[in-house]
């Protein structure tokens, strides 16, 4: 019966809806603010570019270690203002311990909170950065016709 055989050829091509119509959320809906506690949140930033290296893009995001999920993310320049936008998205959540690398702006922004500065305790988010970069590397023009690969990634992939 030819109709009942599994398909072993190339994976079928998926038709994605127009990316401009999608509205990605910057905050996860899996964790309820106020009712769920985030025990350990890792924060990190990741550099990328769109088209040319002179057009830099920075992704700032917070990662819940126990749930293994991204809590919130923002795109922008590597400044205190962008970090402030991320912190305002994270303000409804009860975070017990913040874990970051040695970027000085994290220290000034997280004053008075339980804050661990160490590369050892940010290994999961760094691994997530590598997975995200590998996922983006596999994208070519046939999967995303947009010039802005980073916005395309946020709108269509399930990583963030």
C-alpha atoms as a PDB file:
ATOM      1  CA  UNK A   1       0.000   0.000   0.000  1.00  0.00           C
ATOM      2  CA  UNK A   2       1.915   3.036  -1.212  1.00  0.00           C
ATOM      3  CA  UNK A   3      -0.259   5.566   0.650  1.00  0.00           C
ATOM      4  CA  UNK A   4       0.512   4.159   4.117  1.00  0.00           C
ATOM      5  CA  UNK A   5       4.325   4.199   3.907  1.00  0.00           C
ATOM      6  CA  UNK A   6       6.215   6.684   6.035  1.00  0.00           C
ATOM      7  CA  UNK A   7       8.006   9.491   4.233  1.00  0.00           C
ATOM      8  CA  UNK A   8      11.794   8.909   4.292  1.00  0.00           C
ATOM      9  CA  UNK A   9      12.828  11.583   1.804  1.00  0.00           C
ATOM     10  CA  UNK A  10      13.507  15.236   2.496  1.00  0.00           C
ATOM     11  CA  UNK A  11      11.552  16.874   5.245  1.00  0.00           C
ATOM     12  CA  UNK A  12       8.491  18.681   3.947  1.00  0.00           C
ATOM     13  CA  UNK A  13       8.833  22.418   3.550  1.00  0.00           C
ATOM     14  CA  UNK A  14       6.667  24.392   5.955  1.00  0.00           C
ATOM     15  CA  UNK A  15       4.853  27.525   4.936  1.00  0.00           C
ATOM     16  CA  UNK A  16       5.357  30.155   7.612  1.00  0.00           C
ATOM     17  CA  UNK A  17       2.830  32.983   7.857  1.00  0.00           C
ATOM     18  CA  UNK A  18       4.134  36.448   7.060  1.00  0.00           C
ATOM     19  CA  UNK A  19       6.482  37.404   9.880  1.00  0.00           C
ATOM     20  CA  UNK A  20       5.272  40.988  10.058  1.00  0.00           C
ATOM     21  CA  UNK A  21       1.877  39.815  11.320  1.00  0.00           C
ATOM     22  CA  UNK A  22       3.357  37.929  14.273  1.00  0.00           C
ATOM     23  CA  UNK A  23       3.714  39.660  17.627  1.00  0.00           C
ATOM     24  CA  UNK A  24       6.282  37.789  19.732  1.00  0.00           C
ATOM     25  CA  UNK A  25       6.010  38.060  23.484  1.00  0.00           C
ATOM     26  CA  UNK A  26       8.962  39.458  25.379  1.00  0.00           C
ATOM     27  CA  UNK A  27       7.888  37.703  28.580  1.00  0.00           C
ATOM     28  CA  UNK A  28       7.090  34.021  28.961  1.00  0.00           C
ATOM     29  CA  UNK A  29       3.539  32.928  29.669  1.00  0.00           C
ATOM     30  CA  UNK A  30       4.680  29.649  31.273  1.00  0.00           C
ATOM     31  CA  UNK A  31       5.520  31.298  34.596  1.00  0.00           C
ATOM     32  CA  UNK A  32       2.833  33.275  36.405  1.00  0.00           C
ATOM     33  CA  UNK A  33       4.168  36.536  37.886  1.00  0.00           C
ATOM     34  CA  UNK A  34       3.535  36.834  41.600  1.00  0.00           C
ATOM     35  CA  UNK A  35       2.468  33.228  42.141  1.00  0.00           C
ATOM     36  CA  UNK A  36       5.563  31.348  40.945  1.00  0.00           C
ATOM     37  CA  UNK A  37       8.996  31.951  42.432  1.00  0.00           C
ATOM     38  CA  UNK A  38      12.104  31.849  40.263  1.00  0.00           C
ATOM     39  CA  UNK A  39      14.791  30.416  42.512  1.00  0.00           C
ATOM     40  CA  UNK A  40      17.800  30.972  40.226  1.00  0.00           C
ATOM     41  CA  UNK A  41      17.734  33.336  37.269  1.00  0.00           C
ATOM     42  CA  UNK A  42      20.738  33.678  34.990  1.00  0.00           C
ATOM     43  CA  UNK A  43      21.125  36.848  32.923  1.00  0.00           C
ATOM     44  CA  UNK A  44      23.351  37.269  29.913  1.00  0.00           C
ATOM     45  CA  UNK A  45      23.733  39.213  26.695  1.00  0.00           C
ATOM     46  CA  UNK A  46      24.563  37.894  23.251  1.00  0.00           C
ATOM     47  CA  UNK A  47      26.057  39.799  20.340  1.00  0.00           C
ATOM     48  CA  UNK A  48      25.015  39.371  16.743  1.00  0.00           C
ATOM     49  CA  UNK A  49      24.725  41.329  13.550  1.00  0.00           C
ATOM     50  CA  UNK A  50      22.273  41.767  10.712  1.00  0.00           C
ATOM     51  CA  UNK A  51      23.725  41.766   7.217  1.00  0.00           C
ATOM     52  CA  UNK A  52      27.035  43.443   8.091  1.00  0.00           C
ATOM     53  CA  UNK A  53      29.053  43.416  11.300  1.00  0.00           C
ATOM     54  CA  UNK A  54      28.653  47.166  11.534  1.00  0.00           C
ATOM     55  CA  UNK A  55      24.908  46.620  12.177  1.00  0.00           C
ATOM     56  CA  UNK A  56      25.222  45.116  15.647  1.00  0.00           C
ATOM     57  CA  UNK A  57      22.328  43.681  17.631  1.00  0.00           C
ATOM     58  CA  UNK A  58      22.398  42.668  21.283  1.00  0.00           C
ATOM     59  CA  UNK A  59      20.023  40.177  22.846  1.00  0.00           C
ATOM     60  CA  UNK A  60      19.612  40.490  26.617  1.00  0.00           C
ATOM     61  CA  UNK A  61      17.653  37.764  28.352  1.00  0.00           C
ATOM     62  CA  UNK A  62      16.994  36.024  31.647  1.00  0.00           C
ATOM     63  CA  UNK A  63      16.944  32.240  31.935  1.00  0.00           C
ATOM     64  CA  UNK A  64      15.269  30.201  34.690  1.00  0.00           C
ATOM     65  CA  UNK A  65      17.710  27.456  35.705  1.00  0.00           C
ATOM     66  CA  UNK A  66      15.171  25.065  37.204  1.00  0.00           C
ATOM     67  CA  UNK A  67      12.464  25.322  34.547  1.00  0.00           C
ATOM     68  CA  UNK A  68      15.088  25.577  31.768  1.00  0.00           C
ATOM     69  CA  UNK A  69      13.191  28.319  30.002  1.00  0.00           C
ATOM     70  CA  UNK A  70      13.722  31.915  28.952  1.00  0.00           C
ATOM     71  CA  UNK A  71      11.772  34.248  31.231  1.00  0.00           C
ATOM     72  CA  UNK A  72      12.133  37.540  29.335  1.00  0.00           C
ATOM     73  CA  UNK A  73      14.229  39.065  26.560  1.00  0.00           C
ATOM     74  CA  UNK A  74      14.914  42.416  24.903  1.00  0.00           C
ATOM     75  CA  UNK A  75      16.907  43.548  21.880  1.00  0.00           C
ATOM     76  CA  UNK A  76      18.939  46.734  21.865  1.00  0.00           C
ATOM     77  CA  UNK A  77      22.347  48.278  22.375  1.00  0.00           C
ATOM     78  CA  UNK A  78      24.685  47.108  25.105  1.00  0.00           C
ATOM     79  CA  UNK A  79      23.731  49.884  27.496  1.00  0.00           C
ATOM     80  CA  UNK A  80      22.173  50.394  30.908  1.00  0.00           C
ATOM     81  CA  UNK A  81      18.916  51.463  29.212  1.00  0.00           C
ATOM     82  CA  UNK A  82      18.507  48.067  27.523  1.00  0.00           C
ATOM     83  CA  UNK A  83      19.335  46.287  30.767  1.00  0.00           C
ATOM     84  CA  UNK A  84      16.766  48.504  32.479  1.00  0.00           C
ATOM     85  CA  UNK A  85      14.117  47.438  29.950  1.00  0.00           C
ATOM     86  CA  UNK A  86      14.894  43.789  30.717  1.00  0.00           C
ATOM     87  CA  UNK A  87      14.733  44.425  34.461  1.00  0.00           C
ATOM     88  CA  UNK A  88      11.354  46.144  34.085  1.00  0.00           C
ATOM     89  CA  UNK A  89      10.038  43.051  32.278  1.00  0.00           C
ATOM     90  CA  UNK A  90      11.367  40.904  35.127  1.00  0.00           C
ATOM     91  CA  UNK A  91       9.976  43.102  37.932  1.00  0.00           C
ATOM     92  CA  UNK A  92       6.677  41.142  38.334  1.00  0.00           C
ATOM     93  CA  UNK A  93       8.619  37.932  39.026  1.00  0.00           C
ATOM     94  CA  UNK A  94       9.966  36.954  42.435  1.00  0.00           C
ATOM     95  CA  UNK A  95      13.614  36.069  41.794  1.00  0.00           C
ATOM     96  CA  UNK A  96      15.608  34.745  44.756  1.00  0.00           C
ATOM     97  CA  UNK A  97      19.144  34.536  43.292  1.00  0.00           C
ATOM     98  CA  UNK A  98      20.522  36.395  40.281  1.00  0.00           C
ATOM     99  CA  UNK A  99      23.489  34.824  38.491  1.00  0.00           C
ATOM    100  CA  UNK A 100      25.498  36.843  35.980  1.00  0.00           C
ATOM    101  CA  UNK A 101      28.944  37.071  34.452  1.00  0.00           C
ATOM    102  CA  UNK A 102      31.347  39.882  35.305  1.00  0.00           C
ATOM    103  CA  UNK A 103      29.782  42.703  33.245  1.00  0.00           C
ATOM    104  CA  UNK A 104      29.902  45.760  35.571  1.00  0.00           C
ATOM    105  CA  UNK A 105      26.425  47.056  34.708  1.00  0.00           C
ATOM    106  CA  UNK A 106      24.836  43.933  36.225  1.00  0.00           C
ATOM    107  CA  UNK A 107      26.517  44.751  39.521  1.00  0.00           C
ATOM    108  CA  UNK A 108      25.215  48.301  39.613  1.00  0.00           C
ATOM    109  CA  UNK A 109      21.698  47.300  38.521  1.00  0.00           C
ATOM    110  CA  UNK A 110      21.354  44.398  40.995  1.00  0.00           C
ATOM    111  CA  UNK A 111      22.612  46.237  44.096  1.00  0.00           C
ATOM    112  CA  UNK A 112      20.816  45.089  47.236  1.00  0.00           C
ATOM    113  CA  UNK A 113      19.737  41.759  45.726  1.00  0.00           C
ATOM    114  CA  UNK A 114      21.287  38.320  46.158  1.00  0.00           C
ATOM    115  CA  UNK A 115      23.676  38.365  43.209  1.00  0.00           C
ATOM    116  CA  UNK A 116      26.287  35.750  42.287  1.00  0.00           C
ATOM    117  CA  UNK A 117      28.977  36.845  39.820  1.00  0.00           C
ATOM    118  CA  UNK A 118      30.692  33.834  38.317  1.00  0.00           C
ATOM    119  CA  UNK A 119      31.249  32.153  34.973  1.00  0.00           C
ATOM    120  CA  UNK A 120      30.724  28.842  36.762  1.00  0.00           C
ATOM    121  CA  UNK A 121      27.086  29.587  37.569  1.00  0.00           C
ATOM    122  CA  UNK A 122      26.212  30.947  34.140  1.00  0.00           C
ATOM    123  CA  UNK A 123      27.086  27.785  32.225  1.00  0.00           C
ATOM    124  CA  UNK A 124      23.481  26.953  31.347  1.00  0.00           C
ATOM    125  CA  UNK A 125      22.713  30.299  29.784  1.00  0.00           C
ATOM    126  CA  UNK A 126      26.048  30.219  27.940  1.00  0.00           C
ATOM    127  CA  UNK A 127      25.097  26.781  26.579  1.00  0.00           C
ATOM    128  CA  UNK A 128      21.739  28.248  25.576  1.00  0.00           C
ATOM    129  CA  UNK A 129      23.625  31.049  23.774  1.00  0.00           C
ATOM    130  CA  UNK A 130      25.576  28.458  21.794  1.00  0.00           C
ATOM    131  CA  UNK A 131      22.418  26.512  20.929  1.00  0.00           C
ATOM    132  CA  UNK A 132      20.750  29.720  19.795  1.00  0.00           C
ATOM    133  CA  UNK A 133      23.746  30.706  17.668  1.00  0.00           C
ATOM    134  CA  UNK A 134      23.862  27.240  16.072  1.00  0.00           C
ATOM    135  CA  UNK A 135      20.135  27.425  15.380  1.00  0.00           C
ATOM    136  CA  UNK A 136      20.564  30.791  13.672  1.00  0.00           C
ATOM    137  CA  UNK A 137      23.560  29.563  11.681  1.00  0.00           C
ATOM    138  CA  UNK A 138      21.431  26.865  10.081  1.00  0.00           C
ATOM    139  CA  UNK A 139      18.971  29.394   8.722  1.00  0.00           C
ATOM    140  CA  UNK A 140      19.361  30.393   5.117  1.00  0.00           C
ATOM    141  CA  UNK A 141      17.361  32.559   2.761  1.00  0.00           C
ATOM    142  CA  UNK A 142      14.814  29.843   2.037  1.00  0.00           C
ATOM    143  CA  UNK A 143      13.661  29.748   5.659  1.00  0.00           C
ATOM    144  CA  UNK A 144      13.533  33.462   6.310  1.00  0.00           C
ATOM    145  CA  UNK A 145      13.343  36.064   3.580  1.00  0.00           C
ATOM    146  CA  UNK A 146      13.553  38.944   6.028  1.00  0.00           C
ATOM    147  CA  UNK A 147      16.730  41.030   6.140  1.00  0.00           C
ATOM    148  CA  UNK A 148      16.667  41.006   9.918  1.00  0.00           C
ATOM    149  CA  UNK A 149      17.554  37.456  10.950  1.00  0.00           C
ATOM    150  CA  UNK A 150      17.331  38.280  14.658  1.00  0.00           C
ATOM    151  CA  UNK A 151      13.756  39.499  14.515  1.00  0.00           C
ATOM    152  CA  UNK A 152      12.923  36.563  12.267  1.00  0.00           C
ATOM    153  CA  UNK A 153      14.398  34.240  14.875  1.00  0.00           C
ATOM    154  CA  UNK A 154      12.336  35.699  17.701  1.00  0.00           C
ATOM    155  CA  UNK A 155       9.131  35.576  15.735  1.00  0.00           C
ATOM    156  CA  UNK A 156       9.333  32.058  14.386  1.00  0.00           C
ATOM    157  CA  UNK A 157      11.580  29.847  16.479  1.00  0.00           C
ATOM    158  CA  UNK A 158      10.612  28.453  19.826  1.00  0.00           C
ATOM    159  CA  UNK A 159      13.986  29.078  21.422  1.00  0.00           C
ATOM    160  CA  UNK A 160      13.061  32.470  22.831  1.00  0.00           C
END
